[in-house]
Amino acid sequence: MSDETIWHRASLTASEWYVQCPVCGGCSMGVDTEEDDGGAIIPRADEQFQQCPDCDAFIEVRAVSVTEAYPDDNTH
């Protein structure tokens, strides 16, 4: 068995800016975000990597585009 950390990816969920663990589906972790120059909602640098408190999986939080984040909002 390898000691290498296995990272799982999960996309932000727009309404509350949280990410759900893709391994156990349990914990929903709040993530502080910012908007980049291209209009994507991204996790703050110190929030990009999370560890699920339920199953200890390591999670890389992915950005979400503004059109994914606000599909019915034409102001962004």
PDB file of N, CA and C in Angstrom:
ATOM      1  N   MET A   1       0.842  -1.177   0.000  1.00  0.00           N
ATOM      2  CA  MET A   1       0.000   0.000   0.000  1.00  0.00           C
ATOM      3  C   MET A   1       0.888   1.242   0.000  1.00  0.00           C
ATOM      4  N   SER A   2       0.536   2.199  -0.784  1.00  0.00           N
ATOM      5  CA  SER A   2       1.311   3.420  -0.937  1.00  0.00           C
ATOM      6  C   SER A   2       0.911   4.446   0.117  1.00  0.00           C
ATOM      7  N   ASP A   3       1.879   5.268   0.513  1.00  0.00           N
ATOM      8  CA  ASP A   3       1.600   6.359   1.447  1.00  0.00           C
ATOM      9  C   ASP A   3       1.207   7.639   0.719  1.00  0.00           C
ATOM     10  N   GLU A   4       1.071   7.548  -0.602  1.00  0.00           N
ATOM     11  CA  GLU A   4       0.720   8.714  -1.403  1.00  0.00           C
ATOM     12  C   GLU A   4      -0.715   9.147  -1.114  1.00  0.00           C
ATOM     13  N   THR A   5      -0.913  10.454  -0.936  1.00  0.00           N
ATOM     14  CA  THR A   5      -2.244  10.996  -0.683  1.00  0.00           C
ATOM     15  C   THR A   5      -3.063  10.964  -1.965  1.00  0.00           C
ATOM     16  N   ILE A   6      -4.266  10.471  -1.883  1.00  0.00           N
ATOM     17  CA  ILE A   6      -5.177  10.455  -3.025  1.00  0.00           C
ATOM     18  C   ILE A   6      -6.131  11.636  -2.871  1.00  0.00           C
ATOM     19  N   TRP A   7      -6.128  12.517  -3.886  1.00  0.00           N
ATOM     20  CA  TRP A   7      -6.991  13.698  -3.864  1.00  0.00           C
ATOM     21  C   TRP A   7      -8.222  13.444  -4.712  1.00  0.00           C
ATOM     22  N   HIS A   8      -9.367  13.903  -4.250  1.00  0.00           N
ATOM     23  CA  HIS A   8     -10.630  13.805  -4.969  1.00  0.00           C
ATOM     24  C   HIS A   8     -11.057  15.225  -5.310  1.00  0.00           C
ATOM     25  N   ARG A   9     -11.702  15.402  -6.459  1.00  0.00           N
ATOM     26  CA  ARG A   9     -12.160  16.738  -6.855  1.00  0.00           C
ATOM     27  C   ARG A   9     -13.651  16.877  -6.611  1.00  0.00           C
ATOM     28  N   ALA A  10     -14.035  18.065  -6.206  1.00  0.00           N
ATOM     29  CA  ALA A  10     -15.449  18.371  -6.005  1.00  0.00           C
ATOM     30  C   ALA A  10     -15.676  19.816  -6.411  1.00  0.00           C
ATOM     31  N   SER A  11     -16.758  20.064  -7.127  1.00  0.00           N
ATOM     32  CA  SER A  11     -17.086  21.422  -7.563  1.00  0.00           C
ATOM     33  C   SER A  11     -17.868  22.152  -6.484  1.00  0.00           C
ATOM     34  N   LEU A  12     -17.706  23.449  -6.470  1.00  0.00           N
ATOM     35  CA  LEU A  12     -18.483  24.282  -5.561  1.00  0.00           C
ATOM     36  C   LEU A  12     -19.959  24.196  -5.909  1.00  0.00           C
ATOM     37  N   THR A  13     -20.810  24.296  -4.910  1.00  0.00           N
ATOM     38  CA  THR A  13     -22.244  24.397  -5.112  1.00  0.00           C
ATOM     39  C   THR A  13     -22.609  25.860  -4.889  1.00  0.00           C
ATOM     40  N   ALA A  14     -23.277  26.434  -5.853  1.00  0.00           N
ATOM     41  CA  ALA A  14     -23.429  27.886  -5.912  1.00  0.00           C
ATOM     42  C   ALA A  14     -24.197  28.527  -4.768  1.00  0.00           C
ATOM     43  N   SER A  15     -25.296  27.985  -4.361  1.00  0.00           N
ATOM     44  CA  SER A  15     -26.184  28.721  -3.465  1.00  0.00           C
ATOM     45  C   SER A  15     -25.525  29.139  -2.153  1.00  0.00           C
ATOM     46  N   GLU A  16     -24.757  28.300  -1.554  1.00  0.00           N
ATOM     47  CA  GLU A  16     -24.140  28.620  -0.266  1.00  0.00           C
ATOM     48  C   GLU A  16     -22.621  28.550  -0.319  1.00  0.00           C
ATOM     49  N   TRP A  17     -22.044  28.300  -1.490  1.00  0.00           N
ATOM     50  CA  TRP A  17     -20.607  28.132  -1.663  1.00  0.00           C
ATOM     51  C   TRP A  17     -20.057  27.081  -0.712  1.00  0.00           C
ATOM     52  N   TYR A  18     -20.529  25.878  -0.934  1.00  0.00           N
ATOM     53  CA  TYR A  18     -20.024  24.752  -0.162  1.00  0.00           C
ATOM     54  C   TYR A  18     -19.620  23.649  -1.121  1.00  0.00           C
ATOM     55  N   VAL A  19     -18.907  22.691  -0.606  1.00  0.00           N
ATOM     56  CA  VAL A  19     -18.513  21.529  -1.388  1.00  0.00           C
ATOM     57  C   VAL A  19     -18.877  20.294  -0.577  1.00  0.00           C
ATOM     58  N   GLN A  20     -19.460  19.317  -1.251  1.00  0.00           N
ATOM     59  CA  GLN A  20     -19.842  18.074  -0.600  1.00  0.00           C
ATOM     60  C   GLN A  20     -18.782  17.026  -0.888  1.00  0.00           C
ATOM     61  N   CYS A  21     -18.478  16.204   0.079  1.00  0.00           N
ATOM     62  CA  CYS A  21     -17.456  15.179  -0.083  1.00  0.00           C
ATOM     63  C   CYS A  21     -17.861  14.211  -1.191  1.00  0.00           C
ATOM     64  N   PRO A  22     -17.013  14.040  -2.229  1.00  0.00           N
ATOM     65  CA  PRO A  22     -17.349  13.129  -3.328  1.00  0.00           C
ATOM     66  C   PRO A  22     -17.135  11.665  -2.967  1.00  0.00           C
ATOM     67  N   VAL A  23     -16.538  11.401  -1.818  1.00  0.00           N
ATOM     68  CA  VAL A  23     -16.266  10.025  -1.413  1.00  0.00           C
ATOM     69  C   VAL A  23     -17.411   9.473  -0.574  1.00  0.00           C
ATOM     70  N   CYS A  24     -17.732  10.149   0.531  1.00  0.00           N
ATOM     71  CA  CYS A  24     -18.771   9.626   1.422  1.00  0.00           C
ATOM     72  C   CYS A  24     -20.110  10.324   1.225  1.00  0.00           C
ATOM     73  N   GLY A  25     -20.105  11.495   0.554  1.00  0.00           N
ATOM     74  CA  GLY A  25     -21.344  12.223   0.310  1.00  0.00           C
ATOM     75  C   GLY A  25     -21.903  12.880   1.551  1.00  0.00           C
ATOM     76  N   GLY A  26     -21.195  12.791   2.630  1.00  0.00           N
ATOM     77  CA  GLY A  26     -21.703  13.284   3.892  1.00  0.00           C
ATOM     78  C   GLY A  26     -21.520  14.763   4.106  1.00  0.00           C
ATOM     79  N   CYS A  27     -20.407  15.134   4.587  1.00  0.00           N
ATOM     80  CA  CYS A  27     -20.133  16.491   5.036  1.00  0.00           C
ATOM     81  C   CYS A  27     -20.265  17.519   3.923  1.00  0.00           C
ATOM     82  N   SER A  28     -20.835  18.645   4.243  1.00  0.00           N
ATOM     83  CA  SER A  28     -20.839  19.798   3.341  1.00  0.00           C
ATOM     84  C   SER A  28     -19.988  20.867   3.998  1.00  0.00           C
ATOM     85  N   MET A  29     -18.881  21.199   3.364  1.00  0.00           N
ATOM     86  CA  MET A  29     -17.943  22.143   3.947  1.00  0.00           C
ATOM     87  C   MET A  29     -18.101  23.511   3.309  1.00  0.00           C
ATOM     88  N   GLY A  30     -18.277  24.535   4.118  1.00  0.00           N
ATOM     89  CA  GLY A  30     -18.334  25.897   3.610  1.00  0.00           C
ATOM     90  C   GLY A  30     -16.970  26.328   3.106  1.00  0.00           C
ATOM     91  N   VAL A  31     -16.947  27.031   1.983  1.00  0.00           N
ATOM     92  CA  VAL A  31     -15.692  27.455   1.368  1.00  0.00           C
ATOM     93  C   VAL A  31     -15.771  28.950   1.073  1.00  0.00           C
ATOM     94  N   ASP A  32     -14.776  29.704   1.517  1.00  0.00           N
ATOM     95  CA  ASP A  32     -14.698  31.129   1.182  1.00  0.00           C
ATOM     96  C   ASP A  32     -14.244  31.257  -0.261  1.00  0.00           C
ATOM     97  N   THR A  33     -14.905  32.132  -1.016  1.00  0.00           N
ATOM     98  CA  THR A  33     -14.639  32.241  -2.448  1.00  0.00           C
ATOM     99  C   THR A  33     -14.334  33.672  -2.854  1.00  0.00           C
ATOM    100  N   GLU A  34     -13.871  33.803  -4.088  1.00  0.00           N
ATOM    101  CA  GLU A  34     -13.668  35.097  -4.724  1.00  0.00           C
ATOM    102  C   GLU A  34     -13.899  34.907  -6.213  1.00  0.00           C
ATOM    103  N   GLU A  35     -14.084  36.005  -6.927  1.00  0.00           N
ATOM    104  CA  GLU A  35     -14.289  35.933  -8.375  1.00  0.00           C
ATOM    105  C   GLU A  35     -12.982  36.300  -9.058  1.00  0.00           C
ATOM    106  N   ASP A  36     -12.535  35.460 -10.005  1.00  0.00           N
ATOM    107  CA  ASP A  36     -11.286  35.772 -10.704  1.00  0.00           C
ATOM    108  C   ASP A  36     -11.541  36.713 -11.874  1.00  0.00           C
ATOM    109  N   ASP A  37     -10.483  37.122 -12.568  1.00  0.00           N
ATOM    110  CA  ASP A  37     -10.599  38.080 -13.673  1.00  0.00           C
ATOM    111  C   ASP A  37     -11.425  37.545 -14.833  1.00  0.00           C
ATOM    112  N   GLY A  38     -11.502  36.233 -14.976  1.00  0.00           N
ATOM    113  CA  GLY A  38     -12.273  35.627 -16.056  1.00  0.00           C
ATOM    114  C   GLY A  38     -13.724  35.388 -15.694  1.00  0.00           C
ATOM    115  N   GLY A  39     -14.126  35.746 -14.483  1.00  0.00           N
ATOM    116  CA  GLY A  39     -15.513  35.606 -14.081  1.00  0.00           C
ATOM    117  C   GLY A  39     -15.852  34.292 -13.409  1.00  0.00           C
ATOM    118  N   ALA A  40     -14.855  33.477 -13.119  1.00  0.00           N
ATOM    119  CA  ALA A  40     -15.128  32.212 -12.428  1.00  0.00           C
ATOM    120  C   ALA A  40     -15.139  32.449 -10.920  1.00  0.00           C
ATOM    121  N   ILE A  41     -15.991  31.708 -10.237  1.00  0.00           N
ATOM    122  CA  ILE A  41     -16.005  31.735  -8.786  1.00  0.00           C
ATOM    123  C   ILE A  41     -15.002  30.681  -8.336  1.00  0.00           C
ATOM    124  N   ILE A  42     -13.990  31.112  -7.612  1.00  0.00           N
ATOM    125  CA  ILE A  42     -12.921  30.200  -7.215  1.00  0.00           C
ATOM    126  C   ILE A  42     -12.794  30.176  -5.698  1.00  0.00           C
ATOM    127  N   PRO A  43     -12.317  29.057  -5.154  1.00  0.00           N
ATOM    128  CA  PRO A  43     -12.058  29.043  -3.720  1.00  0.00           C
ATOM    129  C   PRO A  43     -10.856  29.932  -3.418  1.00  0.00           C
ATOM    130  N   ARG A  44     -10.879  30.613  -2.284  1.00  0.00           N
ATOM    131  CA  ARG A  44      -9.687  31.358  -1.871  1.00  0.00           C
ATOM    132  C   ARG A  44      -8.523  30.384  -1.790  1.00  0.00           C
ATOM    133  N   ALA A  45      -7.312  30.864  -2.005  1.00  0.00           N
ATOM    134  CA  ALA A  45      -6.130  29.998  -2.052  1.00  0.00           C
ATOM    135  C   ALA A  45      -6.023  29.093  -0.822  1.00  0.00           C
ATOM    136  N   ASP A  46      -6.329  29.632   0.340  1.00  0.00           N
ATOM    137  CA  ASP A  46      -6.216  28.823   1.557  1.00  0.00           C
ATOM    138  C   ASP A  46      -7.415  27.901   1.772  1.00  0.00           C
ATOM    139  N   GLU A  47      -8.390  27.934   0.867  1.00  0.00           N
ATOM    140  CA  GLU A  47      -9.580  27.086   0.965  1.00  0.00           C
ATOM    141  C   GLU A  47      -9.627  26.033  -0.145  1.00  0.00           C
ATOM    142  N   GLN A  48      -8.636  26.029  -1.038  1.00  0.00           N
ATOM    143  CA  GLN A  48      -8.680  25.157  -2.211  1.00  0.00           C
ATOM    144  C   GLN A  48      -8.582  23.680  -1.849  1.00  0.00           C
ATOM    145  N   PHE A  49      -7.925  23.361  -0.766  1.00  0.00           N
ATOM    146  CA  PHE A  49      -7.761  21.966  -0.372  1.00  0.00           C
ATOM    147  C   PHE A  49      -8.423  21.751   0.976  1.00  0.00           C
ATOM    148  N   GLN A  50      -9.287  20.761   1.039  1.00  0.00           N
ATOM    149  CA  GLN A  50     -10.055  20.464   2.241  1.00  0.00           C
ATOM    150  C   GLN A  50      -9.870  18.992   2.609  1.00  0.00           C
ATOM    151  N   GLN A  51     -10.165  18.663   3.845  1.00  0.00           N
ATOM    152  CA  GLN A  51     -10.195  17.271   4.266  1.00  0.00           C
ATOM    153  C   GLN A  51     -11.540  17.026   4.922  1.00  0.00           C
ATOM    154  N   CYS A  52     -12.237  15.995   4.449  1.00  0.00           N
ATOM    155  CA  CYS A  52     -13.561  15.674   4.979  1.00  0.00           C
ATOM    156  C   CYS A  52     -13.438  15.224   6.433  1.00  0.00           C
ATOM    157  N   PRO A  53     -14.183  15.851   7.336  1.00  0.00           N
ATOM    158  CA  PRO A  53     -14.125  15.435   8.736  1.00  0.00           C
ATOM    159  C   PRO A  53     -14.826  14.104   8.995  1.00  0.00           C
ATOM    160  N   ASP A  54     -15.663  13.657   8.054  1.00  0.00           N
ATOM    161  CA  ASP A  54     -16.379  12.397   8.241  1.00  0.00           C
ATOM    162  C   ASP A  54     -15.556  11.180   7.836  1.00  0.00           C
ATOM    163  N   CYS A  55     -14.899  11.253   6.647  1.00  0.00           N
ATOM    164  CA  CYS A  55     -14.175  10.071   6.154  1.00  0.00           C
ATOM    165  C   CYS A  55     -12.690  10.335   5.925  1.00  0.00           C
ATOM    166  N   ASP A  56     -12.224  11.557   6.203  1.00  0.00           N
ATOM    167  CA  ASP A  56     -10.820  11.956   6.060  1.00  0.00           C
ATOM    168  C   ASP A  56     -10.318  11.999   4.625  1.00  0.00           C
ATOM    169  N   ALA A  57     -11.207  11.971   3.633  1.00  0.00           N
ATOM    170  CA  ALA A  57     -10.789  12.084   2.234  1.00  0.00           C
ATOM    171  C   ALA A  57     -10.224  13.478   1.993  1.00  0.00           C
ATOM    172  N   PHE A  58      -9.218  13.563   1.136  1.00  0.00           N
ATOM    173  CA  PHE A  58      -8.636  14.845   0.743  1.00  0.00           C
ATOM    174  C   PHE A  58      -9.344  15.334  -0.509  1.00  0.00           C
ATOM    175  N   ILE A  59      -9.765  16.601  -0.505  1.00  0.00           N
ATOM    176  CA  ILE A  59     -10.602  17.137  -1.577  1.00  0.00           C
ATOM    177  C   ILE A  59      -9.972  18.400  -2.145  1.00  0.00           C
ATOM    178  N   GLU A  60      -9.849  18.437  -3.478  1.00  0.00           N
ATOM    179  CA  GLU A  60      -9.437  19.655  -4.176  1.00  0.00           C
ATOM    180  C   GLU A  60     -10.709  20.342  -4.652  1.00  0.00           C
ATOM    181  N   VAL A  61     -10.956  21.540  -4.182  1.00  0.00           N
ATOM    182  CA  VAL A  61     -12.173  22.266  -4.518  1.00  0.00           C
ATOM    183  C   VAL A  61     -11.997  22.931  -5.877  1.00  0.00           C
ATOM    184  N   ARG A  62     -12.919  22.668  -6.789  1.00  0.00           N
ATOM    185  CA  ARG A  62     -12.854  23.212  -8.145  1.00  0.00           C
ATOM    186  C   ARG A  62     -13.666  24.490  -8.258  1.00  0.00           C
ATOM    187  N   ALA A  63     -13.245  25.334  -9.184  1.00  0.00           N
ATOM    188  CA  ALA A  63     -13.957  26.581  -9.464  1.00  0.00           C
ATOM    189  C   ALA A  63     -15.260  26.286 -10.194  1.00  0.00           C
ATOM    190  N   VAL A  64     -16.126  27.266 -10.217  1.00  0.00           N
ATOM    191  CA  VAL A  64     -17.377  27.175 -10.964  1.00  0.00           C
ATOM    192  C   VAL A  64     -17.515  28.480 -11.751  1.00  0.00           C
ATOM    193  N   SER A  65     -17.968  28.381 -13.001  1.00  0.00           N
ATOM    194  CA  SER A  65     -18.126  29.595 -13.804  1.00  0.00           C
ATOM    195  C   SER A  65     -19.336  30.381 -13.320  1.00  0.00           C
ATOM    196  N   VAL A  66     -19.361  31.658 -13.614  1.00  0.00           N
ATOM    197  CA  VAL A  66     -20.475  32.500 -13.190  1.00  0.00           C
ATOM    198  C   VAL A  66     -21.780  32.017 -13.809  1.00  0.00           C
ATOM    199  N   THR A  67     -21.749  31.534 -15.052  1.00  0.00           N
ATOM    200  CA  THR A  67     -22.988  31.049 -15.674  1.00  0.00           C
ATOM    201  C   THR A  67     -23.486  29.787 -14.987  1.00  0.00           C
ATOM    202  N   GLU A  68     -22.585  28.971 -14.451  1.00  0.00           N
ATOM    203  CA  GLU A  68     -23.013  27.816 -13.662  1.00  0.00           C
ATOM    204  C   GLU A  68     -23.524  28.265 -12.302  1.00  0.00           C
ATOM    205  N   ALA A  69     -22.873  29.273 -11.753  1.00  0.00           N
ATOM    206  CA  ALA A  69     -23.229  29.748 -10.423  1.00  0.00           C
ATOM    207  C   ALA A  69     -24.556  30.487 -10.408  1.00  0.00           C
ATOM    208  N   TYR A  70     -24.797  31.284 -11.451  1.00  0.00           N
ATOM    209  CA  TYR A  70     -26.004  32.105 -11.522  1.00  0.00           C
ATOM    210  C   TYR A  70     -26.709  31.877 -12.860  1.00  0.00           C
ATOM    211  N   PRO A  71     -27.268  30.704 -13.109  1.00  0.00           N
ATOM    212  CA  PRO A  71     -27.830  30.409 -14.431  1.00  0.00           C
ATOM    213  C   PRO A  71     -29.000  31.299 -14.837  1.00  0.00           C
ATOM    214  N   ASP A  72     -29.742  31.843 -13.882  1.00  0.00           N
ATOM    215  CA  ASP A  72     -30.912  32.661 -14.207  1.00  0.00           C
ATOM    216  C   ASP A  72     -30.663  34.148 -13.987  1.00  0.00           C
ATOM    217  N   ASP A  73     -29.424  34.520 -13.781  1.00  0.00           N
ATOM    218  CA  ASP A  73     -29.089  35.905 -13.468  1.00  0.00           C
ATOM    219  C   ASP A  73     -28.251  36.487 -14.599  1.00  0.00           C
ATOM    220  N   ASN A  74     -28.765  37.500 -15.280  1.00  0.00           N
ATOM    221  CA  ASN A  74     -28.054  38.113 -16.400  1.00  0.00           C
ATOM    222  C   ASN A  74     -27.196  39.299 -15.975  1.00  0.00           C
ATOM    223  N   THR A  75     -27.065  39.533 -14.676  1.00  0.00           N
ATOM    224  CA  THR A  75     -26.300  40.686 -14.218  1.00  0.00           C
ATOM    225  C   THR A  75     -24.819  40.388 -14.083  1.00  0.00           C
ATOM    226  N   HIS A  76     -24.410  39.130 -14.152  1.00  0.00           N
ATOM    227  CA  HIS A  76     -22.987  38.782 -14.021  1.00  0.00           C
ATOM    228  C   HIS A  76     -22.384  38.532 -15.375  1.00  0.00           C
TER     229      HIS A  76
END
